[in-house]
């Protein structure tokens, strides 16, 4: 299990345990975390699971592939360095302590 902290735009924190092999998006969905809509269900066909990864974790996560990078162009206020689509990041045990912040809205 990896403990992941999801921080809503208003500052509310949710710390949950997510099983390795699930995505960060599935961890949010399974724990009823508001702010990650995931309209496409994880198919990388929308940008409604967009988050900002906190600085100390950016380099620790697997690199974005081209499809994720392209889809982030449709996200609300994407940051080239810290924005990720949570449906594209599979959780590993090494991600214990990961923190992500949600944007003020998903589009």
Protein backbone atom coordinates (compact mmCIF):
# COMPACT_ATOMS: atom_id res chain seq x y z
CA UNK A 1 0.00 0.00 0.00
CA UNK A 2 1.04 3.57 -0.63
CA UNK A 3 -0.35 6.49 1.35
CA UNK A 4 -1.25 9.27 -1.04
CA UNK A 5 -2.36 12.75 -0.01
CA UNK A 6 -4.90 14.44 -2.26
CA UNK A 7 -5.31 18.16 -1.55
CA UNK A 8 -8.43 19.88 -2.77
CA UNK A 9 -8.15 23.40 -4.17
CA UNK A 10 -9.62 24.75 -0.90
CA UNK A 11 -6.83 23.07 1.10
CA UNK A 12 -8.79 20.09 2.42
CA UNK A 13 -6.46 17.09 2.64
CA UNK A 14 -7.40 13.45 2.15
CA UNK A 15 -4.78 10.84 3.04
CA UNK A 16 -5.70 7.39 1.74
CA UNK A 17 -4.00 4.07 1.13
CA UNK A 18 -3.93 2.98 -2.49
CA UNK A 19 -3.05 -0.51 -3.64
CA UNK A 20 -0.06 -0.80 -5.97
CA UNK A 21 -1.21 -1.41 -9.52
CA UNK A 22 -4.13 0.99 -9.30
CA UNK A 23 -3.82 4.46 -10.74
CA UNK A 24 -3.81 7.63 -8.67
CA UNK A 25 -7.22 8.35 -10.25
CA UNK A 26 -8.61 4.99 -9.13
CA UNK A 27 -7.37 5.72 -5.61
CA UNK A 28 -9.33 8.98 -5.63
CA UNK A 29 -12.42 7.36 -7.12
CA UNK A 30 -12.40 4.41 -4.71
CA UNK A 31 -12.09 6.75 -1.72
CA UNK A 32 -14.67 9.33 -2.86
CA UNK A 33 -12.11 12.13 -3.12
CA UNK A 34 -13.79 15.22 -4.60
CA UNK A 35 -12.06 17.20 -7.32
CA UNK A 36 -10.99 14.36 -9.61
CA UNK A 37 -13.91 13.75 -11.96
CA UNK A 38 -12.36 11.20 -14.35
CA UNK A 39 -15.15 11.52 -16.91
CA UNK A 40 -13.52 9.10 -19.36
CA UNK A 41 -12.95 6.43 -16.70
CA UNK A 42 -9.19 6.37 -17.15
CA UNK A 43 -8.88 6.11 -20.94
CA UNK A 44 -6.74 9.28 -21.27
CA UNK A 45 -9.54 10.76 -23.37
CA UNK A 46 -10.28 13.81 -21.21
CA UNK A 47 -8.40 15.95 -18.73
CA UNK A 48 -10.78 15.77 -15.77
CA UNK A 49 -8.35 13.89 -13.53
CA UNK A 50 -5.69 16.60 -13.76
CA UNK A 51 -3.57 17.33 -10.68
CA UNK A 52 -0.38 19.16 -9.77
CA UNK A 53 2.30 16.89 -8.29
CA UNK A 54 4.20 18.54 -5.43
CA UNK A 55 7.74 19.54 -6.38
CA UNK A 56 9.62 16.84 -4.47
CA UNK A 57 7.72 14.10 -6.35
CA UNK A 58 7.89 15.39 -9.92
CA UNK A 59 11.14 13.63 -10.80
CA UNK A 60 10.24 10.46 -8.87
CA UNK A 61 7.22 9.62 -11.04
CA UNK A 62 7.44 7.92 -14.43
CA UNK A 63 7.71 10.37 -17.33
CA UNK A 64 4.61 11.49 -19.20
CA UNK A 65 4.06 9.79 -22.53
CA UNK A 66 3.03 11.75 -25.63
CA UNK A 67 -0.66 10.95 -25.25
CA UNK A 68 -0.77 12.29 -21.68
CA UNK A 69 1.19 15.40 -22.67
CA UNK A 70 -1.21 16.08 -25.54
CA UNK A 71 -4.30 15.61 -23.35
CA UNK A 72 -2.89 17.97 -20.69
CA UNK A 73 -3.24 20.76 -23.27
CA UNK A 74 -6.99 20.55 -22.57
CA UNK A 75 -6.65 20.72 -18.77
CA UNK A 76 -7.47 23.80 -16.72
CA UNK A 77 -4.30 25.85 -16.17
CA UNK A 78 -1.77 23.06 -16.78
CA UNK A 79 1.75 23.48 -15.48
CA UNK A 80 4.39 22.04 -17.84
CA UNK A 81 6.43 20.64 -14.96
CA UNK A 82 3.94 19.50 -12.30
CA UNK A 83 0.70 18.68 -14.14
CA UNK A 84 -0.26 15.03 -14.51
CA UNK A 85 -3.34 13.06 -15.45
CA UNK A 86 -3.92 10.74 -12.53
CA UNK A 87 -5.33 8.03 -14.78
CA UNK A 88 -1.90 7.67 -16.36
CA UNK A 89 0.16 7.12 -13.19
CA UNK A 90 0.13 3.61 -11.73
CA UNK A 91 0.78 3.50 -8.01
CA UNK A 92 3.80 1.61 -6.70
CA UNK A 93 4.88 0.97 -3.11
CA UNK A 94 7.67 3.51 -3.70
CA UNK A 95 5.03 6.22 -4.07
CA UNK A 96 4.23 6.09 -0.36
CA UNK A 97 3.97 9.72 0.74
CA UNK A 98 3.06 11.15 -2.68
CA UNK A 99 1.08 14.40 -2.53
CA UNK A 100 -1.00 15.87 -5.34
CA UNK A 101 -2.99 19.10 -5.48
CA UNK A 102 -6.18 19.58 -7.43
CA UNK A 103 -6.81 22.58 -9.68
CA UNK A 104 -9.70 24.92 -8.89
CA UNK A 105 -11.79 23.13 -11.53
CA UNK A 106 -11.66 20.36 -14.08
CA UNK A 107 -12.62 20.95 -17.71
